[in-house]
Amino acid sequence: MVPPPLDLTNICSICSVYTPQGTQRITKVRQVGIPKVIMEAVGLLPGDEVYLQVNPDHPKTLLLIPADVLMVWLEAGRATNPNAEAPTDEPQPRKFDA
């Protein structure tokens, strides 16, 4: 199930308050550091889980979605369209070896 469309007005409001924090280099093990100011702006803490998704409206961009936000989106989608087929499995955070 695809999350409901984003209200980019709210998300992009961060852009008007904070200048872009970059560039961030992707390491050889495909990790990227998230600047503290960005983490604080969206309420993330070290150890929080996130989902990554290619932005369907802008395929060359990436969405980083906190796991708790994604669950709210899924529930909102189900409430909006109760006849929609429920996914067979809830999205589960993947565990990676350190």
PDB file of N, CA and C in Angstrom:
ATOM      1  N   MET A   1       0.846  -1.176   0.000  1.00  0.00           N
ATOM      2  CA  MET A   1       0.000   0.000   0.000  1.00  0.00           C
ATOM      3  C   MET A   1       0.892   1.241   0.000  1.00  0.00           C
ATOM      4  N   VAL A   2       0.575   2.167  -0.854  1.00  0.00           N
ATOM      5  CA  VAL A   2       1.356   3.396  -0.955  1.00  0.00           C
ATOM      6  C   VAL A   2       0.802   4.411   0.036  1.00  0.00           C
ATOM      7  N   PRO A   3       1.676   5.109   0.774  1.00  0.00           N
ATOM      8  CA  PRO A   3       1.198   6.114   1.724  1.00  0.00           C
ATOM      9  C   PRO A   3       0.413   7.209   1.007  1.00  0.00           C
ATOM     10  N   PRO A   4      -0.489   7.885   1.722  1.00  0.00           N
ATOM     11  CA  PRO A   4      -1.220   8.993   1.109  1.00  0.00           C
ATOM     12  C   PRO A   4      -0.243  10.031   0.587  1.00  0.00           C
ATOM     13  N   PRO A   5      -0.677  10.819  -0.407  1.00  0.00           N
ATOM     14  CA  PRO A   5       0.217  11.856  -0.932  1.00  0.00           C
ATOM     15  C   PRO A   5       0.684  12.784   0.185  1.00  0.00           C
ATOM     16  N   LEU A   6       1.887  13.253   0.032  1.00  0.00           N
ATOM     17  CA  LEU A   6       2.448  14.149   1.036  1.00  0.00           C
ATOM     18  C   LEU A   6       1.913  15.559   0.879  1.00  0.00           C
ATOM     19  N   ASP A   7       1.726  16.227   1.995  1.00  0.00           N
ATOM     20  CA  ASP A   7       1.431  17.649   1.962  1.00  0.00           C
ATOM     21  C   ASP A   7       2.780  18.353   1.979  1.00  0.00           C
ATOM     22  N   LEU A   8       3.304  18.624   0.796  1.00  0.00           N
ATOM     23  CA  LEU A   8       4.647  19.180   0.687  1.00  0.00           C
ATOM     24  C   LEU A   8       4.750  20.571   1.295  1.00  0.00           C
ATOM     25  N   THR A   9       3.626  21.251   1.484  1.00  0.00           N
ATOM     26  CA  THR A   9       3.661  22.568   2.112  1.00  0.00           C
ATOM     27  C   THR A   9       4.247  22.467   3.514  1.00  0.00           C
ATOM     28  N   ASN A  10       3.811  21.466   4.272  1.00  0.00           N
ATOM     29  CA  ASN A  10       4.322  21.293   5.630  1.00  0.00           C
ATOM     30  C   ASN A  10       5.771  20.839   5.631  1.00  0.00           C
ATOM     31  N   ILE A  11       6.088  19.890   4.777  1.00  0.00           N
ATOM     32  CA  ILE A  11       7.446  19.365   4.745  1.00  0.00           C
ATOM     33  C   ILE A  11       8.419  20.435   4.274  1.00  0.00           C
ATOM     34  N   CYS A  12       8.050  21.171   3.250  1.00  0.00           N
ATOM     35  CA  CYS A  12       8.962  22.174   2.704  1.00  0.00           C
ATOM     36  C   CYS A  12       9.072  23.399   3.599  1.00  0.00           C
ATOM     37  N   SER A  13       8.230  23.496   4.615  1.00  0.00           N
ATOM     38  CA  SER A  13       8.366  24.635   5.519  1.00  0.00           C
ATOM     39  C   SER A  13       9.708  24.589   6.235  1.00  0.00           C
ATOM     40  N   ILE A  14      10.266  23.378   6.405  1.00  0.00           N
ATOM     41  CA  ILE A  14      11.594  23.270   6.999  1.00  0.00           C
ATOM     42  C   ILE A  14      12.605  23.996   6.124  1.00  0.00           C
ATOM     43  N   CYS A  15      12.437  23.904   4.813  1.00  0.00           N
ATOM     44  CA  CYS A  15      13.382  24.537   3.896  1.00  0.00           C
ATOM     45  C   CYS A  15      13.411  26.051   4.075  1.00  0.00           C
ATOM     46  N   SER A  16      12.288  26.634   4.456  1.00  0.00           N
ATOM     47  CA  SER A  16      12.267  28.082   4.624  1.00  0.00           C
ATOM     48  C   SER A  16      12.894  28.504   5.955  1.00  0.00           C
ATOM     49  N   VAL A  17      13.029  27.582   6.886  1.00  0.00           N
ATOM     50  CA  VAL A  17      13.599  27.883   8.186  1.00  0.00           C
ATOM     51  C   VAL A  17      15.077  27.521   8.234  1.00  0.00           C
ATOM     52  N   TYR A  18      15.426  26.391   7.651  1.00  0.00           N
ATOM     53  CA  TYR A  18      16.791  25.886   7.690  1.00  0.00           C
ATOM     54  C   TYR A  18      17.387  25.880   6.291  1.00  0.00           C
ATOM     55  N   THR A  19      18.628  26.278   6.199  1.00  0.00           N
ATOM     56  CA  THR A  19      19.302  26.139   4.917  1.00  0.00           C
ATOM     57  C   THR A  19      19.637  24.669   4.725  1.00  0.00           C
ATOM     58  N   PRO A  20      19.747  24.222   3.484  1.00  0.00           N
ATOM     59  CA  PRO A  20      20.090  22.809   3.259  1.00  0.00           C
ATOM     60  C   PRO A  20      21.388  22.445   3.976  1.00  0.00           C
ATOM     61  N   GLN A  21      21.398  21.288   4.552  1.00  0.00           N
ATOM     62  CA  GLN A  21      22.565  20.797   5.281  1.00  0.00           C
ATOM     63  C   GLN A  21      23.306  19.813   4.384  1.00  0.00           C
ATOM     64  N   GLY A  22      24.314  20.247   3.749  1.00  0.00           N
ATOM     65  CA  GLY A  22      24.991  19.304   2.865  1.00  0.00           C
ATOM     66  C   GLY A  22      26.302  19.875   2.420  1.00  0.00           C
ATOM     67  N   THR A  23      26.939  19.146   1.641  1.00  0.00           N
ATOM     68  CA  THR A  23      26.547  17.818   1.173  1.00  0.00           C
ATOM     69  C   THR A  23      26.951  16.766   2.195  1.00  0.00           C
ATOM     70  N   GLN A  24      26.255  15.631   2.119  1.00  0.00           N
ATOM     71  CA  GLN A  24      26.576  14.503   2.989  1.00  0.00           C
ATOM     72  C   GLN A  24      27.092  13.386   2.084  1.00  0.00           C
ATOM     73  N   ARG A  25      28.257  12.889   2.388  1.00  0.00           N
ATOM     74  CA  ARG A  25      28.858  11.837   1.575  1.00  0.00           C
ATOM     75  C   ARG A  25      28.301  10.470   1.985  1.00  0.00           C
ATOM     76  N   ILE A  26      28.000   9.640   0.992  1.00  0.00           N
ATOM     77  CA  ILE A  26      27.580   8.262   1.239  1.00  0.00           C
ATOM     78  C   ILE A  26      28.853   7.432   1.404  1.00  0.00           C
ATOM     79  N   THR A  27      28.928   6.693   2.516  1.00  0.00           N
ATOM     80  CA  THR A  27      30.130   5.906   2.797  1.00  0.00           C
ATOM     81  C   THR A  27      30.149   4.640   1.941  1.00  0.00           C
ATOM     82  N   LYS A  28      31.265   3.927   2.002  1.00  0.00           N
ATOM     83  CA  LYS A  28      31.397   2.678   1.251  1.00  0.00           C
ATOM     84  C   LYS A  28      30.378   1.642   1.676  1.00  0.00           C
ATOM     85  N   VAL A  29      29.875   1.741   2.900  1.00  0.00           N
ATOM     86  CA  VAL A  29      28.849   0.807   3.373  1.00  0.00           C
ATOM     87  C   VAL A  29      27.451   1.422   3.267  1.00  0.00           C
ATOM     88  N   ARG A  30      27.319   2.429   2.386  1.00  0.00           N
ATOM     89  CA  ARG A  30      26.039   3.070   2.027  1.00  0.00           C
ATOM     90  C   ARG A  30      25.359   3.760   3.200  1.00  0.00           C
ATOM     91  N   GLN A  31      26.118   4.357   4.081  1.00  0.00           N
ATOM     92  CA  GLN A  31      25.554   5.102   5.198  1.00  0.00           C
ATOM     93  C   GLN A  31      25.694   6.602   4.942  1.00  0.00           C
ATOM     94  N   VAL A  32      24.741   7.341   5.488  1.00  0.00           N
ATOM     95  CA  VAL A  32      24.747   8.796   5.387  1.00  0.00           C
ATOM     96  C   VAL A  32      24.465   9.353   6.777  1.00  0.00           C
ATOM     97  N   GLY A  33      25.261  10.312   7.201  1.00  0.00           N
ATOM     98  CA  GLY A  33      25.000  10.975   8.472  1.00  0.00           C
ATOM     99  C   GLY A  33      23.902  12.015   8.303  1.00  0.00           C
ATOM    100  N   ILE A  34      23.000  12.065   9.266  1.00  0.00           N
ATOM    101  CA  ILE A  34      21.934  13.077   9.239  1.00  0.00           C
ATOM    102  C   ILE A  34      22.352  14.186  10.193  1.00  0.00           C
ATOM    103  N   PRO A  35      22.464  15.422   9.695  1.00  0.00           N
ATOM    104  CA  PRO A  35      22.873  16.519  10.579  1.00  0.00           C
ATOM    105  C   PRO A  35      21.926  16.670  11.774  1.00  0.00           C
ATOM    106  N   LYS A  36      22.503  17.055  12.898  1.00  0.00           N
ATOM    107  CA  LYS A  36      21.743  17.202  14.139  1.00  0.00           C
ATOM    108  C   LYS A  36      20.553  18.145  13.972  1.00  0.00           C
ATOM    109  N   VAL A  37      20.748  19.248  13.271  1.00  0.00           N
ATOM    110  CA  VAL A  37      19.662  20.220  13.105  1.00  0.00           C
ATOM    111  C   VAL A  37      18.478  19.605  12.355  1.00  0.00           C
ATOM    112  N   ILE A  38      18.748  18.728  11.401  1.00  0.00           N
ATOM    113  CA  ILE A  38      17.671  18.057  10.669  1.00  0.00           C
ATOM    114  C   ILE A  38      16.973  17.050  11.587  1.00  0.00           C
ATOM    115  N   MET A  39      17.763  16.265  12.314  1.00  0.00           N
ATOM    116  CA  MET A  39      17.158  15.285  13.224  1.00  0.00           C
ATOM    117  C   MET A  39      16.271  15.973  14.254  1.00  0.00           C
ATOM    118  N   GLU A  40      16.741  17.093  14.809  1.00  0.00           N
ATOM    119  CA  GLU A  40      15.937  17.821  15.787  1.00  0.00           C
ATOM    120  C   GLU A  40      14.676  18.392  15.152  1.00  0.00           C
ATOM    121  N   ALA A  41      14.783  18.875  13.923  1.00  0.00           N
ATOM    122  CA  ALA A  41      13.629  19.491  13.251  1.00  0.00           C
ATOM    123  C   ALA A  41      12.496  18.493  13.033  1.00  0.00           C
ATOM    124  N   VAL A  42      12.838  17.229  12.792  1.00  0.00           N
ATOM    125  CA  VAL A  42      11.801  16.230  12.545  1.00  0.00           C
ATOM    126  C   VAL A  42      11.586  15.289  13.731  1.00  0.00           C
ATOM    127  N   GLY A  43      12.289  15.543  14.828  1.00  0.00           N
ATOM    128  CA  GLY A  43      12.069  14.775  16.045  1.00  0.00           C
ATOM    129  C   GLY A  43      12.682  13.385  16.045  1.00  0.00           C
ATOM    130  N   LEU A  44      13.762  13.183  15.286  1.00  0.00           N
ATOM    131  CA  LEU A  44      14.441  11.889  15.285  1.00  0.00           C
ATOM    132  C   LEU A  44      15.530  11.854  16.345  1.00  0.00           C
ATOM    133  N   LEU A  45      15.736  10.672  16.903  1.00  0.00           N
ATOM    134  CA  LEU A  45      16.798  10.448  17.882  1.00  0.00           C
ATOM    135  C   LEU A  45      17.679   9.305  17.390  1.00  0.00           C
ATOM    136  N   PRO A  46      18.937   9.262  17.813  1.00  0.00           N
ATOM    137  CA  PRO A  46      19.772   8.117  17.448  1.00  0.00           C
ATOM    138  C   PRO A  46      19.074   6.813  17.849  1.00  0.00           C
ATOM    139  N   GLY A  47      19.068   5.857  16.956  1.00  0.00           N
ATOM    140  CA  GLY A  47      18.410   4.573  17.210  1.00  0.00           C
ATOM    141  C   GLY A  47      16.992   4.497  16.678  1.00  0.00           C
ATOM    142  N   ASP A  48      16.379   5.640  16.327  1.00  0.00           N
ATOM    143  CA  ASP A  48      15.043   5.606  15.739  1.00  0.00           C
ATOM    144  C   ASP A  48      15.110   4.888  14.390  1.00  0.00           C
ATOM    145  N   GLU A  49      13.999   4.313  13.998  1.00  0.00           N
ATOM    146  CA  GLU A  49      13.941   3.591  12.729  1.00  0.00           C
ATOM    147  C   GLU A  49      13.211   4.418  11.700  1.00  0.00           C
ATOM    148  N   VAL A  50      13.697   4.341  10.460  1.00  0.00           N
ATOM    149  CA  VAL A  50      13.125   5.100   9.362  1.00  0.00           C
ATOM    150  C   VAL A  50      12.975   4.195   8.143  1.00  0.00           C
ATOM    151  N   TYR A  51      12.091   4.593   7.252  1.00  0.00           N
ATOM    152  CA  TYR A  51      11.933   3.949   5.956  1.00  0.00           C
ATOM    153  C   TYR A  51      12.452   4.909   4.905  1.00  0.00           C
ATOM    154  N   LEU A  52      12.996   4.356   3.846  1.00  0.00           N
ATOM    155  CA  LEU A  52      13.446   5.152   2.712  1.00  0.00           C
ATOM    156  C   LEU A  52      12.570   4.806   1.525  1.00  0.00           C
ATOM    157  N   GLN A  53      12.216   5.829   0.755  1.00  0.00           N
ATOM    158  CA  GLN A  53      11.363   5.620  -0.410  1.00  0.00           C
ATOM    159  C   GLN A  53      11.764   6.617  -1.480  1.00  0.00           C
ATOM    160  N   VAL A  54      11.802   6.160  -2.726  1.00  0.00           N
ATOM    161  CA  VAL A  54      11.992   7.085  -3.833  1.00  0.00           C
ATOM    162  C   VAL A  54      10.728   7.936  -3.910  1.00  0.00           C
ATOM    163  N   ASN A  55      10.898   9.246  -3.998  1.00  0.00           N
ATOM    164  CA  ASN A  55       9.762  10.157  -4.072  1.00  0.00           C
ATOM    165  C   ASN A  55       9.057   9.952  -5.410  1.00  0.00           C
ATOM    166  N   PRO A  56       7.793   9.498  -5.414  1.00  0.00           N
ATOM    167  CA  PRO A  56       7.104   9.233  -6.678  1.00  0.00           C
ATOM    168  C   PRO A  56       6.891  10.490  -7.518  1.00  0.00           C
ATOM    169  N   ASP A  57       6.844  11.659  -6.875  1.00  0.00           N
ATOM    170  CA  ASP A  57       6.651  12.904  -7.624  1.00  0.00           C
ATOM    171  C   ASP A  57       7.959  13.436  -8.209  1.00  0.00           C
ATOM    172  N   HIS A  58       9.063  13.036  -7.622  1.00  0.00           N
ATOM    173  CA  HIS A  58      10.383  13.499  -8.063  1.00  0.00           C
ATOM    174  C   HIS A  58      11.344  12.319  -7.958  1.00  0.00           C
ATOM    175  N   PRO A  59      11.394  11.465  -8.984  1.00  0.00           N
ATOM    176  CA  PRO A  59      12.144  10.208  -8.894  1.00  0.00           C
ATOM    177  C   PRO A  59      13.626  10.335  -8.556  1.00  0.00           C
ATOM    178  N   LYS A  60      14.214  11.488  -8.692  1.00  0.00           N
ATOM    179  CA  LYS A  60      15.627  11.646  -8.342  1.00  0.00           C
ATOM    180  C   LYS A  60      15.808  12.096  -6.897  1.00  0.00           C
ATOM    181  N   THR A  61      14.720  12.066  -6.116  1.00  0.00           N
ATOM    182  CA  THR A  61      14.799  12.464  -4.710  1.00  0.00           C
ATOM    183  C   THR A  61      14.371  11.306  -3.817  1.00  0.00           C
ATOM    184  N   LEU A  62      14.716  11.432  -2.560  1.00  0.00           N
ATOM    185  CA  LEU A  62      14.505  10.359  -1.598  1.00  0.00           C
ATOM    186  C   LEU A  62      13.710  10.878  -0.411  1.00  0.00           C
ATOM    187  N   LEU A  63      12.765  10.075   0.047  1.00  0.00           N
ATOM    188  CA  LEU A  63      12.029  10.395   1.265  1.00  0.00           C
ATOM    189  C   LEU A  63      12.585   9.544   2.395  1.00  0.00           C
ATOM    190  N   LEU A  64      12.819  10.157   3.526  1.00  0.00           N
ATOM    191  CA  LEU A  64      13.216   9.459   4.741  1.00  0.00           C
ATOM    192  C   LEU A  64      12.032   9.615   5.691  1.00  0.00           C
ATOM    193  N   ILE A  65      11.353   8.503   5.972  1.00  0.00           N
ATOM    194  CA  ILE A  65      10.087   8.555   6.708  1.00  0.00           C
ATOM    195  C   ILE A  65      10.250   7.841   8.048  1.00  0.00           C
ATOM    196  N   PRO A  66      10.072   8.557   9.172  1.00  0.00           N
ATOM    197  CA  PRO A  66      10.120   7.879  10.471  1.00  0.00           C
ATOM    198  C   PRO A  66       9.091   6.745  10.516  1.00  0.00           C
ATOM    199  N   ALA A  67       9.481   5.609  11.109  1.00  0.00           N
ATOM    200  CA  ALA A  67       8.616   4.426  11.139  1.00  0.00           C
ATOM    201  C   ALA A  67       7.256   4.741  11.756  1.00  0.00           C
ATOM    202  N   ASP A  68       7.220   5.545  12.823  1.00  0.00           N
ATOM    203  CA  ASP A  68       5.935   5.844  13.455  1.00  0.00           C
ATOM    204  C   ASP A  68       5.043   6.678  12.539  1.00  0.00           C
ATOM    205  N   VAL A  69       5.634   7.543  11.728  1.00  0.00           N
ATOM    206  CA  VAL A  69       4.864   8.342  10.771  1.00  0.00           C
ATOM    207  C   VAL A  69       4.278   7.440   9.687  1.00  0.00           C
ATOM    208  N   LEU A  70       5.067   6.486   9.194  1.00  0.00           N
ATOM    209  CA  LEU A  70       4.568   5.574   8.170  1.00  0.00           C
ATOM    210  C   LEU A  70       3.371   4.787   8.681  1.00  0.00           C
ATOM    211  N   MET A  71       3.418   4.350   9.927  1.00  0.00           N
ATOM    212  CA  MET A  71       2.290   3.599  10.492  1.00  0.00           C
ATOM    213  C   MET A  71       1.027   4.465  10.532  1.00  0.00           C
ATOM    214  N   VAL A  72       1.182   5.741  10.862  1.00  0.00           N
ATOM    215  CA  VAL A  72       0.038   6.666  10.866  1.00  0.00           C
ATOM    216  C   VAL A  72      -0.508   6.803   9.451  1.00  0.00           C
ATOM    217  N   TRP A  73       0.380   6.931   8.466  1.00  0.00           N
ATOM    218  CA  TRP A  73      -0.058   7.046   7.071  1.00  0.00           C
ATOM    219  C   TRP A  73      -0.830   5.801   6.642  1.00  0.00           C
ATOM    220  N   LEU A  74      -0.326   4.626   7.011  1.00  0.00           N
ATOM    221  CA  LEU A  74      -1.008   3.389   6.634  1.00  0.00           C
ATOM    222  C   LEU A  74      -2.391   3.312   7.259  1.00  0.00           C
ATOM    223  N   GLU A  75      -2.492   3.661   8.525  1.00  0.00           N
ATOM    224  CA  GLU A  75      -3.793   3.646   9.196  1.00  0.00           C
ATOM    225  C   GLU A  75      -4.740   4.667   8.575  1.00  0.00           C
ATOM    226  N   ALA A  76      -4.234   5.852   8.243  1.00  0.00           N
ATOM    227  CA  ALA A  76      -5.069   6.880   7.603  1.00  0.00           C
ATOM    228  C   ALA A  76      -5.551   6.398   6.246  1.00  0.00           C
ATOM    229  N   GLY A  77      -4.680   5.722   5.520  1.00  0.00           N
ATOM    230  CA  GLY A  77      -5.070   5.189   4.216  1.00  0.00           C
ATOM    231  C   GLY A  77      -6.158   4.143   4.344  1.00  0.00           C
ATOM    232  N   ARG A  78      -6.031   3.284   5.340  1.00  0.00           N
ATOM    233  CA  ARG A  78      -7.055   2.254   5.558  1.00  0.00           C
ATOM    234  C   ARG A  78      -8.381   2.880   5.985  1.00  0.00           C
ATOM    235  N   ALA A  79      -8.317   3.919   6.804  1.00  0.00           N
ATOM    236  CA  ALA A  79      -9.544   4.584   7.252  1.00  0.00           C
ATOM    237  C   ALA A  79     -10.222   5.311   6.092  1.00  0.00           C
ATOM    238  N   THR A  80      -9.424   5.881   5.197  1.00  0.00           N
ATOM    239  CA  THR A  80      -9.961   6.616   4.052  1.00  0.00           C
ATOM    240  C   THR A  80     -10.577   5.685   3.030  1.00  0.00           C
ATOM    241  N   ASN A  81      -9.980   4.511   2.868  1.00  0.00           N
ATOM    242  CA  ASN A  81     -10.457   3.567   1.867  1.00  0.00           C
ATOM    243  C   ASN A  81     -10.593   2.183   2.502  1.00  0.00           C
ATOM    244  N   PRO A  82     -11.681   1.980   3.272  1.00  0.00           N
ATOM    245  CA  PRO A  82     -11.834   0.704   3.985  1.00  0.00           C
ATOM    246  C   PRO A  82     -12.001  -0.491   3.050  1.00  0.00           C
ATOM    247  N   ASN A  83     -12.368  -0.270   1.790  1.00  0.00           N
ATOM    248  CA  ASN A  83     -12.541  -1.369   0.839  1.00  0.00           C
ATOM    249  C   ASN A  83     -11.225  -1.780   0.193  1.00  0.00           C
ATOM    250  N   ALA A  84     -10.179  -1.021   0.455  1.00  0.00           N
ATOM    251  CA  ALA A  84      -8.882  -1.350  -0.128  1.00  0.00           C
ATOM    252  C   ALA A  84      -8.381  -2.654   0.472  1.00  0.00           C
ATOM    253  N   GLU A  85      -7.650  -3.369  -0.342  1.00  0.00           N
ATOM    254  CA  GLU A  85      -7.071  -4.616   0.125  1.00  0.00           C
ATOM    255  C   GLU A  85      -6.021  -4.325   1.181  1.00  0.00           C
ATOM    256  N   ALA A  86      -6.142  -4.960   2.302  1.00  0.00           N
ATOM    257  CA  ALA A  86      -5.153  -4.767   3.365  1.00  0.00           C
ATOM    258  C   ALA A  86      -3.872  -5.483   2.980  1.00  0.00           C
ATOM    259  N   PRO A  87      -2.725  -4.887   3.291  1.00  0.00           N
ATOM    260  CA  PRO A  87      -1.479  -5.587   2.994  1.00  0.00           C
ATOM    261  C   PRO A  87      -1.385  -6.870   3.818  1.00  0.00           C
ATOM    262  N   THR A  88      -0.707  -7.850   3.256  1.00  0.00           N
ATOM    263  CA  THR A  88      -0.592  -9.119   3.967  1.00  0.00           C
ATOM    264  C   THR A  88       0.328  -8.998   5.174  1.00  0.00           C
ATOM    265  N   ASP A  89       1.294  -8.122   5.098  1.00  0.00           N
ATOM    266  CA  ASP A  89       2.226  -7.922   6.206  1.00  0.00           C
ATOM    267  C   ASP A  89       2.398  -6.436   6.452  1.00  0.00           C
ATOM    268  N   GLU A  90       2.430  -6.062   7.707  1.00  0.00           N
ATOM    269  CA  GLU A  90       2.769  -4.689   8.054  1.00  0.00           C
ATOM    270  C   GLU A  90       4.239  -4.480   7.721  1.00  0.00           C
ATOM    271  N   PRO A  91       4.624  -3.259   7.312  1.00  0.00           N
ATOM    272  CA  PRO A  91       6.037  -3.033   7.088  1.00  0.00           C
ATOM    273  C   PRO A  91       6.803  -3.246   8.395  1.00  0.00           C
ATOM    274  N   GLN A  92       7.868  -3.959   8.308  1.00  0.00           N
ATOM    275  CA  GLN A  92       8.693  -4.240   9.475  1.00  0.00           C
ATOM    276  C   GLN A  92      10.063  -3.636   9.260  1.00  0.00           C
ATOM    277  N   PRO A  93      10.577  -2.939  10.269  1.00  0.00           N
ATOM    278  CA  PRO A  93      11.941  -2.413  10.123  1.00  0.00           C
ATOM    279  C   PRO A  93      12.910  -3.570   9.908  1.00  0.00           C
ATOM    280  N   ARG A  94      13.818  -3.375   8.974  1.00  0.00           N
ATOM    281  CA  ARG A  94      14.854  -4.383   8.730  1.00  0.00           C
ATOM    282  C   ARG A  94      15.958  -4.211   9.747  1.00  0.00           C
ATOM    283  N   LYS A  95      16.448  -5.310  10.243  1.00  0.00           N
ATOM    284  CA  LYS A  95      17.567  -5.283  11.180  1.00  0.00           C
ATOM    285  C   LYS A  95      18.835  -5.577  10.404  1.00  0.00           C
ATOM    286  N   PHE A  96      19.816  -4.714  10.572  1.00  0.00           N
ATOM    287  CA  PHE A  96      21.087  -4.879   9.893  1.00  0.00           C
ATOM    288  C   PHE A  96      22.157  -5.220  10.898  1.00  0.00           C
ATOM    289  N   ASP A  97      23.067  -6.075  10.499  1.00  0.00           N
ATOM    290  CA  ASP A  97      24.216  -6.364  11.345  1.00  0.00           C
ATOM    291  C   ASP A  97      25.129  -5.156  11.347  1.00  0.00           C
ATOM    292  N   ALA A  98      25.697  -4.850  12.485  1.00  0.00           N
ATOM    293  CA  ALA A  98      26.581  -3.685  12.599  1.00  0.00           C
ATOM    294  C   ALA A  98      27.870  -3.896  11.845  1.00  0.00           C
TER     295      ALA A  98
END
